[in-house]
Amino acid sequence: ETIDAVVLTHAHIDHSGYLPALARQGFSGS
């Protein structure tokens, strides 16, 4: 929840695939 934003270089899972886990743990930024 202390992370203000995430910036993705591309969609492959080794670059984006942890996002739902991060959000599940409290991340709510853009």
PDB file of all heavy atoms in Angstrom:
ATOM      1  N   GLU A   1       0.809  -1.219   0.000  1.00  0.00           N
ATOM      2  CA  GLU A   1       0.000   0.000   0.000  1.00  0.00           C
ATOM      3  C   GLU A   1       0.841   1.267   0.000  1.00  0.00           C
ATOM      4  O   GLU A   1       0.329   2.364  -0.263  1.00  0.00           O
ATOM      5  CB  GLU A   1      -0.959   0.012   1.197  1.00  0.00           C
ATOM      6  CG  GLU A   1      -0.297   0.022   2.562  1.00  0.00           C
ATOM      7  CD  GLU A   1      -0.087  -1.372   3.127  1.00  0.00           C
ATOM      8  OE1 GLU A   1      -0.048  -2.340   2.336  1.00  0.00           O
ATOM      9  OE2 GLU A   1       0.043  -1.478   4.365  1.00  0.00           O
ATOM     10  N   THR A   2       2.163   1.139   0.255  1.00  0.00           N
ATOM     11  CA  THR A   2       3.043   2.313   0.235  1.00  0.00           C
ATOM     12  C   THR A   2       3.601   2.593  -1.161  1.00  0.00           C
ATOM     13  O   THR A   2       4.314   3.582  -1.349  1.00  0.00           O
ATOM     14  CB  THR A   2       4.210   2.144   1.221  1.00  0.00           C
ATOM     15  OG1 THR A   2       5.081   1.086   0.776  1.00  0.00           O
ATOM     16  CG2 THR A   2       3.710   1.825   2.622  1.00  0.00           C
ATOM     17  N   ILE A   3       3.303   1.735  -2.120  1.00  0.00           N
ATOM     18  CA  ILE A   3       3.738   1.963  -3.508  1.00  0.00           C
ATOM     19  C   ILE A   3       2.717   2.879  -4.172  1.00  0.00           C
ATOM     20  O   ILE A   3       1.511   2.602  -4.166  1.00  0.00           O
ATOM     21  CB  ILE A   3       3.857   0.635  -4.272  1.00  0.00           C
ATOM     22  CG1 ILE A   3       4.913  -0.259  -3.617  1.00  0.00           C
ATOM     23  CG2 ILE A   3       4.209   0.887  -5.734  1.00  0.00           C
ATOM     24  CD1 ILE A   3       4.964  -1.666  -4.180  1.00  0.00           C
ATOM     25  N   ASP A   4       3.179   3.971  -4.732  1.00  0.00           N
ATOM     26  CA  ASP A   4       2.279   4.977  -5.302  1.00  0.00           C
ATOM     27  C   ASP A   4       1.820   4.634  -6.715  1.00  0.00           C
ATOM     28  O   ASP A   4       0.705   4.996  -7.112  1.00  0.00           O
ATOM     29  CB  ASP A   4       2.964   6.348  -5.297  1.00  0.00           C
ATOM     30  CG  ASP A   4       3.280   6.818  -3.882  1.00  0.00           C
ATOM     31  OD1 ASP A   4       2.334   7.187  -3.170  1.00  0.00           O
ATOM     32  OD2 ASP A   4       4.460   6.779  -3.494  1.00  0.00           O
ATOM     33  N   ALA A   5       2.676   3.974  -7.490  1.00  0.00           N
ATOM     34  CA  ALA A   5       2.326   3.656  -8.881  1.00  0.00           C
ATOM     35  C   ALA A   5       3.197   2.509  -9.378  1.00  0.00           C
ATOM     36  O   ALA A   5       4.281   2.247  -8.839  1.00  0.00           O
ATOM     37  CB  ALA A   5       2.505   4.874  -9.782  1.00  0.00           C
ATOM     38  N   VAL A   6       2.697   1.815 -10.398  1.00  0.00           N
ATOM     39  CA  VAL A   6       3.462   0.788 -11.114  1.00  0.00           C
ATOM     40  C   VAL A   6       3.541   1.200 -12.579  1.00  0.00           C
ATOM     41  O   VAL A   6       2.554   1.689 -13.147  1.00  0.00           O
ATOM     42  CB  VAL A   6       2.808  -0.606 -10.986  1.00  0.00           C
ATOM     43  CG1 VAL A   6       3.519  -1.621 -11.881  1.00  0.00           C
ATOM     44  CG2 VAL A   6       2.822  -1.084  -9.538  1.00  0.00           C
ATOM     45  N   VAL A   7       4.705   1.041 -13.174  1.00  0.00           N
ATOM     46  CA  VAL A   7       4.902   1.309 -14.601  1.00  0.00           C
ATOM     47  C   VAL A   7       5.367   0.011 -15.252  1.00  0.00           C
ATOM     48  O   VAL A   7       6.349  -0.596 -14.817  1.00  0.00           O
ATOM     49  CB  VAL A   7       5.951   2.426 -14.824  1.00  0.00           C
ATOM     50  CG1 VAL A   7       6.191   2.646 -16.316  1.00  0.00           C
ATOM     51  CG2 VAL A   7       5.497   3.722 -14.162  1.00  0.00           C
ATOM     52  N   LEU A   8       4.649  -0.444 -16.282  1.00  0.00           N
ATOM     53  CA  LEU A   8       4.979  -1.705 -16.956  1.00  0.00           C
ATOM     54  C   LEU A   8       5.688  -1.448 -18.279  1.00  0.00           C
ATOM     55  O   LEU A   8       5.241  -0.618 -19.077  1.00  0.00           O
ATOM     56  CB  LEU A   8       3.712  -2.517 -17.235  1.00  0.00           C
ATOM     57  CG  LEU A   8       2.886  -2.991 -16.037  1.00  0.00           C
ATOM     58  CD1 LEU A   8       1.689  -3.797 -16.533  1.00  0.00           C
ATOM     59  CD2 LEU A   8       3.731  -3.828 -15.086  1.00  0.00           C
ATOM     60  N   THR A   9       6.776  -2.203 -18.518  1.00  0.00           N
ATOM     61  CA  THR A   9       7.422  -2.129 -19.832  1.00  0.00           C
ATOM     62  C   THR A   9       6.649  -2.933 -20.870  1.00  0.00           C
ATOM     63  O   THR A   9       6.565  -2.535 -22.020  1.00  0.00           O
ATOM     64  CB  THR A   9       8.872  -2.647 -19.772  1.00  0.00           C
ATOM     65  OG1 THR A   9       8.877  -4.020 -19.354  1.00  0.00           O
ATOM     66  CG2 THR A   9       9.710  -1.813 -18.814  1.00  0.00           C
ATOM     67  N   HIS A  10       6.078  -4.076 -20.479  1.00  0.00           N
ATOM     68  CA  HIS A  10       5.229  -4.839 -21.392  1.00  0.00           C
ATOM     69  C   HIS A  10       4.444  -5.889 -20.622  1.00  0.00           C
ATOM     70  O   HIS A  10       4.557  -5.979 -19.388  1.00  0.00           O
ATOM     71  CB  HIS A  10       6.035  -5.463 -22.535  1.00  0.00           C
ATOM     72  CG  HIS A  10       7.011  -6.528 -22.149  1.00  0.00           C
ATOM     73  ND1 HIS A  10       8.191  -6.255 -21.484  1.00  0.00           N
ATOM     74  CD2 HIS A  10       6.993  -7.878 -22.323  1.00  0.00           C
ATOM     75  CE1 HIS A  10       8.858  -7.385 -21.285  1.00  0.00           C
ATOM     76  NE2 HIS A  10       8.144  -8.379 -21.768  1.00  0.00           N
ATOM     77  N   ALA A  11       3.654  -6.684 -21.342  1.00  0.00           N
ATOM     78  CA  ALA A  11       2.620  -7.510 -20.715  1.00  0.00           C
ATOM     79  C   ALA A  11       3.054  -8.911 -20.345  1.00  0.00           C
ATOM     80  O   ALA A  11       2.306  -9.603 -19.641  1.00  0.00           O
ATOM     81  CB  ALA A  11       1.398  -7.591 -21.644  1.00  0.00           C
ATOM     82  N   HIS A  12       4.187  -9.401 -20.800  1.00  0.00           N
ATOM     83  CA  HIS A  12       4.569 -10.770 -20.478  1.00  0.00           C
ATOM     84  C   HIS A  12       4.537 -10.998 -18.967  1.00  0.00           C
ATOM     85  O   HIS A  12       4.866 -10.104 -18.181  1.00  0.00           O
ATOM     86  CB  HIS A  12       5.955 -11.090 -21.042  1.00  0.00           C
ATOM     87  CG  HIS A  12       5.915 -11.556 -22.466  1.00  0.00           C
ATOM     88  ND1 HIS A  12       6.975 -11.387 -23.336  1.00  0.00           N
ATOM     89  CD2 HIS A  12       4.955 -12.199 -23.189  1.00  0.00           C
ATOM     90  CE1 HIS A  12       6.664 -11.897 -24.521  1.00  0.00           C
ATOM     91  NE2 HIS A  12       5.443 -12.394 -24.454  1.00  0.00           N
ATOM     92  N   ILE A  13       4.171 -12.207 -18.574  1.00  0.00           N
ATOM     93  CA  ILE A  13       3.906 -12.513 -17.171  1.00  0.00           C
ATOM     94  C   ILE A  13       5.130 -12.299 -16.284  1.00  0.00           C
ATOM     95  O   ILE A  13       4.996 -11.947 -15.107  1.00  0.00           O
ATOM     96  CB  ILE A  13       3.376 -13.959 -17.046  1.00  0.00           C
ATOM     97  CG1 ILE A  13       1.954 -14.046 -17.620  1.00  0.00           C
ATOM     98  CG2 ILE A  13       3.373 -14.438 -15.606  1.00  0.00           C
ATOM     99  CD1 ILE A  13       0.932 -13.174 -16.896  1.00  0.00           C
ATOM    100  N   ASP A  14       6.332 -12.475 -16.815  1.00  0.00           N
ATOM    101  CA  ASP A  14       7.514 -12.230 -15.983  1.00  0.00           C
ATOM    102  C   ASP A  14       7.769 -10.736 -15.784  1.00  0.00           C
ATOM    103  O   ASP A  14       8.711 -10.349 -15.079  1.00  0.00           O
ATOM    104  CB  ASP A  14       8.751 -12.924 -16.555  1.00  0.00           C
ATOM    105  CG  ASP A  14       9.131 -12.449 -17.943  1.00  0.00           C
ATOM    106  OD1 ASP A  14       8.231 -12.088 -18.714  1.00  0.00           O
ATOM    107  OD2 ASP A  14      10.335 -12.448 -18.269  1.00  0.00           O
ATOM    108  N   HIS A  15       6.895  -9.900 -16.360  1.00  0.00           N
ATOM    109  CA  HIS A  15       6.972  -8.447 -16.154  1.00  0.00           C
ATOM    110  C   HIS A  15       5.694  -7.873 -15.546  1.00  0.00           C
ATOM    111  O   HIS A  15       5.727  -6.788 -14.971  1.00  0.00           O
ATOM    112  CB  HIS A  15       7.271  -7.735 -17.473  1.00  0.00           C
ATOM    113  CG  HIS A  15       8.636  -8.019 -18.000  1.00  0.00           C
ATOM    114  ND1 HIS A  15       9.679  -7.120 -17.899  1.00  0.00           N
ATOM    115  CD2 HIS A  15       9.146  -9.122 -18.613  1.00  0.00           C
ATOM    116  CE1 HIS A  15      10.773  -7.664 -18.434  1.00  0.00           C
ATOM    117  NE2 HIS A  15      10.466  -8.875 -18.870  1.00  0.00           N
ATOM    118  N   SER A  16       4.579  -8.587 -15.696  1.00  0.00           N
ATOM    119  CA  SER A  16       3.294  -8.057 -15.197  1.00  0.00           C
ATOM    120  C   SER A  16       2.568  -9.005 -14.251  1.00  0.00           C
ATOM    121  O   SER A  16       1.625  -8.598 -13.577  1.00  0.00           O
ATOM    122  CB  SER A  16       2.366  -7.758 -16.391  1.00  0.00           C
ATOM    123  OG  SER A  16       1.890  -8.973 -16.971  1.00  0.00           O
ATOM    124  N   GLY A  17       2.987 -10.255 -14.184  1.00  0.00           N
ATOM    125  CA  GLY A  17       2.171 -11.300 -13.566  1.00  0.00           C
ATOM    126  C   GLY A  17       2.029 -11.259 -12.066  1.00  0.00           C
ATOM    127  O   GLY A  17       1.186 -11.976 -11.507  1.00  0.00           O
ATOM    128  N   TYR A  18       2.821 -10.427 -11.370  1.00  0.00           N
ATOM    129  CA  TYR A  18       2.673 -10.329  -9.915  1.00  0.00           C
ATOM    130  C   TYR A  18       1.680  -9.230  -9.517  1.00  0.00           C
ATOM    131  O   TYR A  18       1.297  -9.113  -8.354  1.00  0.00           O
ATOM    132  CB  TYR A  18       4.039 -10.068  -9.259  1.00  0.00           C
ATOM    133  CG  TYR A  18       4.035 -10.231  -7.749  1.00  0.00           C
ATOM    134  CD1 TYR A  18       4.065 -11.486  -7.154  1.00  0.00           C
ATOM    135  CD2 TYR A  18       3.994  -9.111  -6.910  1.00  0.00           C
ATOM    136  CE1 TYR A  18       4.050 -11.636  -5.777  1.00  0.00           C
ATOM    137  CE2 TYR A  18       3.978  -9.251  -5.531  1.00  0.00           C
ATOM    138  CZ  TYR A  18       4.007 -10.517  -4.964  1.00  0.00           C
ATOM    139  OH  TYR A  18       3.991 -10.658  -3.595  1.00  0.00           O
ATOM    140  N   LEU A  19       1.232  -8.443 -10.485  1.00  0.00           N
ATOM    141  CA  LEU A  19       0.350  -7.305 -10.181  1.00  0.00           C
ATOM    142  C   LEU A  19      -0.894  -7.701  -9.373  1.00  0.00           C
ATOM    143  O   LEU A  19      -1.214  -7.040  -8.376  1.00  0.00           O
ATOM    144  CB  LEU A  19      -0.079  -6.625 -11.481  1.00  0.00           C
ATOM    145  CG  LEU A  19       0.642  -5.346 -11.880  1.00  0.00           C
ATOM    146  CD1 LEU A  19       0.152  -4.868 -13.233  1.00  0.00           C
ATOM    147  CD2 LEU A  19       0.455  -4.252 -10.830  1.00  0.00           C
ATOM    148  N   PRO A  20      -1.635  -8.748  -9.775  1.00  0.00           N
ATOM    149  CA  PRO A  20      -2.814  -9.105  -8.979  1.00  0.00           C
ATOM    150  C   PRO A  20      -2.474  -9.498  -7.546  1.00  0.00           C
ATOM    151  O   PRO A  20      -3.255  -9.217  -6.621  1.00  0.00           O
ATOM    152  CB  PRO A  20      -3.409 -10.292  -9.757  1.00  0.00           C
ATOM    153  CG  PRO A  20      -2.930 -10.101 -11.154  1.00  0.00           C
ATOM    154  CD  PRO A  20      -1.546  -9.565 -11.007  1.00  0.00           C
ATOM    155  N   ALA A  21      -1.319 -10.134  -7.343  1.00  0.00           N
ATOM    156  CA  ALA A  21      -0.894 -10.474  -5.985  1.00  0.00           C
ATOM    157  C   ALA A  21      -0.575  -9.209  -5.195  1.00  0.00           C
ATOM    158  O   ALA A  21      -0.909  -9.094  -4.010  1.00  0.00           O
ATOM    159  CB  ALA A  21       0.328 -11.399  -6.026  1.00  0.00           C
ATOM    160  N   LEU A  22       0.057  -8.236  -5.857  1.00  0.00           N
ATOM    161  CA  LEU A  22       0.385  -6.970  -5.196  1.00  0.00           C
ATOM    162  C   LEU A  22      -0.890  -6.244  -4.786  1.00  0.00           C
ATOM    163  O   LEU A  22      -0.990  -5.715  -3.674  1.00  0.00           O
ATOM    164  CB  LEU A  22       1.226  -6.101  -6.138  1.00  0.00           C
ATOM    165  CG  LEU A  22       1.926  -4.896  -5.509  1.00  0.00           C
ATOM    166  CD1 LEU A  22       3.118  -5.349  -4.671  1.00  0.00           C
ATOM    167  CD2 LEU A  22       2.399  -3.924  -6.589  1.00  0.00           C
ATOM    168  N   ALA A  23      -1.866  -6.211  -5.696  1.00  0.00           N
ATOM    169  CA  ALA A  23      -3.136  -5.548  -5.402  1.00  0.00           C
ATOM    170  C   ALA A  23      -3.901  -6.293  -4.307  1.00  0.00           C
ATOM    171  O   ALA A  23      -4.543  -5.672  -3.449  1.00  0.00           O
ATOM    172  CB  ALA A  23      -3.978  -5.454  -6.667  1.00  0.00           C
ATOM    173  N   ARG A  24      -3.821  -7.599  -4.332  1.00  0.00           N
ATOM    174  CA  ARG A  24      -4.482  -8.409  -3.314  1.00  0.00           C
ATOM    175  C   ARG A  24      -3.930  -8.095  -1.913  1.00  0.00           C
ATOM    176  O   ARG A  24      -4.643  -8.195  -0.912  1.00  0.00           O
ATOM    177  CB  ARG A  24      -4.281  -9.887  -3.643  1.00  0.00           C
ATOM    178  CG  ARG A  24      -5.059 -10.864  -2.791  1.00  0.00           C
ATOM    179  CD  ARG A  24      -4.871 -12.282  -3.323  1.00  0.00           C
ATOM    180  NE  ARG A  24      -5.665 -13.237  -2.592  1.00  0.00           N
ATOM    181  CZ  ARG A  24      -5.815 -14.522  -2.942  1.00  0.00           C
ATOM    182  NH1 ARG A  24      -5.219 -14.980  -4.042  1.00  0.00           N
ATOM    183  NH2 ARG A  24      -6.547 -15.336  -2.219  1.00  0.00           N
ATOM    184  N   GLN A  25      -2.645  -7.671  -1.881  1.00  0.00           N
ATOM    185  CA  GLN A  25      -1.994  -7.364  -0.603  1.00  0.00           C
ATOM    186  C   GLN A  25      -2.105  -5.886  -0.212  1.00  0.00           C
ATOM    187  O   GLN A  25      -1.562  -5.482   0.801  1.00  0.00           O
ATOM    188  CB  GLN A  25      -0.511  -7.746  -0.681  1.00  0.00           C
ATOM    189  CG  GLN A  25      -0.268  -9.235  -0.890  1.00  0.00           C
ATOM    190  CD  GLN A  25       1.187  -9.514  -1.216  1.00  0.00           C
ATOM    191  OE1 GLN A  25       2.071  -9.331  -0.383  1.00  0.00           O
ATOM    192  NE2 GLN A  25       1.447  -9.950  -2.444  1.00  0.00           N
ATOM    193  N   GLY A  26      -2.779  -5.087  -1.021  1.00  0.00           N
ATOM    194  CA  GLY A  26      -3.014  -3.711  -0.592  1.00  0.00           C
ATOM    195  C   GLY A  26      -2.643  -2.610  -1.557  1.00  0.00           C
ATOM    196  O   GLY A  26      -2.971  -1.443  -1.322  1.00  0.00           O
ATOM    197  N   PHE A  27      -1.950  -2.911  -2.654  1.00  0.00           N
ATOM    198  CA  PHE A  27      -1.621  -1.861  -3.618  1.00  0.00           C
ATOM    199  C   PHE A  27      -2.900  -1.359  -4.285  1.00  0.00           C
ATOM    200  O   PHE A  27      -3.722  -2.148  -4.756  1.00  0.00           O
ATOM    201  CB  PHE A  27      -0.658  -2.388  -4.680  1.00  0.00           C
ATOM    202  CG  PHE A  27      -0.469  -1.443  -5.843  1.00  0.00           C
ATOM    203  CD1 PHE A  27       0.247  -0.271  -5.691  1.00  0.00           C
ATOM    204  CD2 PHE A  27      -1.039  -1.724  -7.085  1.00  0.00           C
ATOM    205  CE1 PHE A  27       0.403   0.619  -6.749  1.00  0.00           C
ATOM    206  CE2 PHE A  27      -0.874  -0.853  -8.149  1.00  0.00           C
ATOM    207  CZ  PHE A  27      -0.152   0.316  -7.981  1.00  0.00           C
ATOM    208  N   SER A  28      -3.068  -0.041  -4.353  1.00  0.00           N
ATOM    209  CA  SER A  28      -4.265   0.522  -4.975  1.00  0.00           C
ATOM    210  C   SER A  28      -3.941   1.721  -5.865  1.00  0.00           C
ATOM    211  O   SER A  28      -4.831   2.494  -6.227  1.00  0.00           O
ATOM    212  CB  SER A  28      -5.273   0.936  -3.898  1.00  0.00           C
ATOM    213  OG  SER A  28      -4.708   1.911  -3.019  1.00  0.00           O
ATOM    214  N   GLY A  29      -2.662   1.900  -6.206  1.00  0.00           N
ATOM    215  CA  GLY A  29      -2.259   3.018  -7.056  1.00  0.00           C
ATOM    216  C   GLY A  29      -2.567   2.753  -8.515  1.00  0.00           C
ATOM    217  O   GLY A  29      -3.177   1.748  -8.886  1.00  0.00           O
ATOM    218  N   SER A  30      -2.108   3.648  -9.379  1.00  0.00           N
ATOM    219  CA  SER A  30      -2.335   3.510 -10.819  1.00  0.00           C
ATOM    220  C   SER A  30      -1.240   2.664 -11.456  1.00  0.00           C
ATOM    221  O   SER A  30      -0.095   2.645 -10.994  1.00  0.00           O
ATOM    222  CB  SER A  30      -2.369   4.886 -11.484  1.00  0.00           C
ATOM    223  OG  SER A  30      -3.470   5.636 -11.010  1.00  0.00           O
TER     224      SER A  30
END
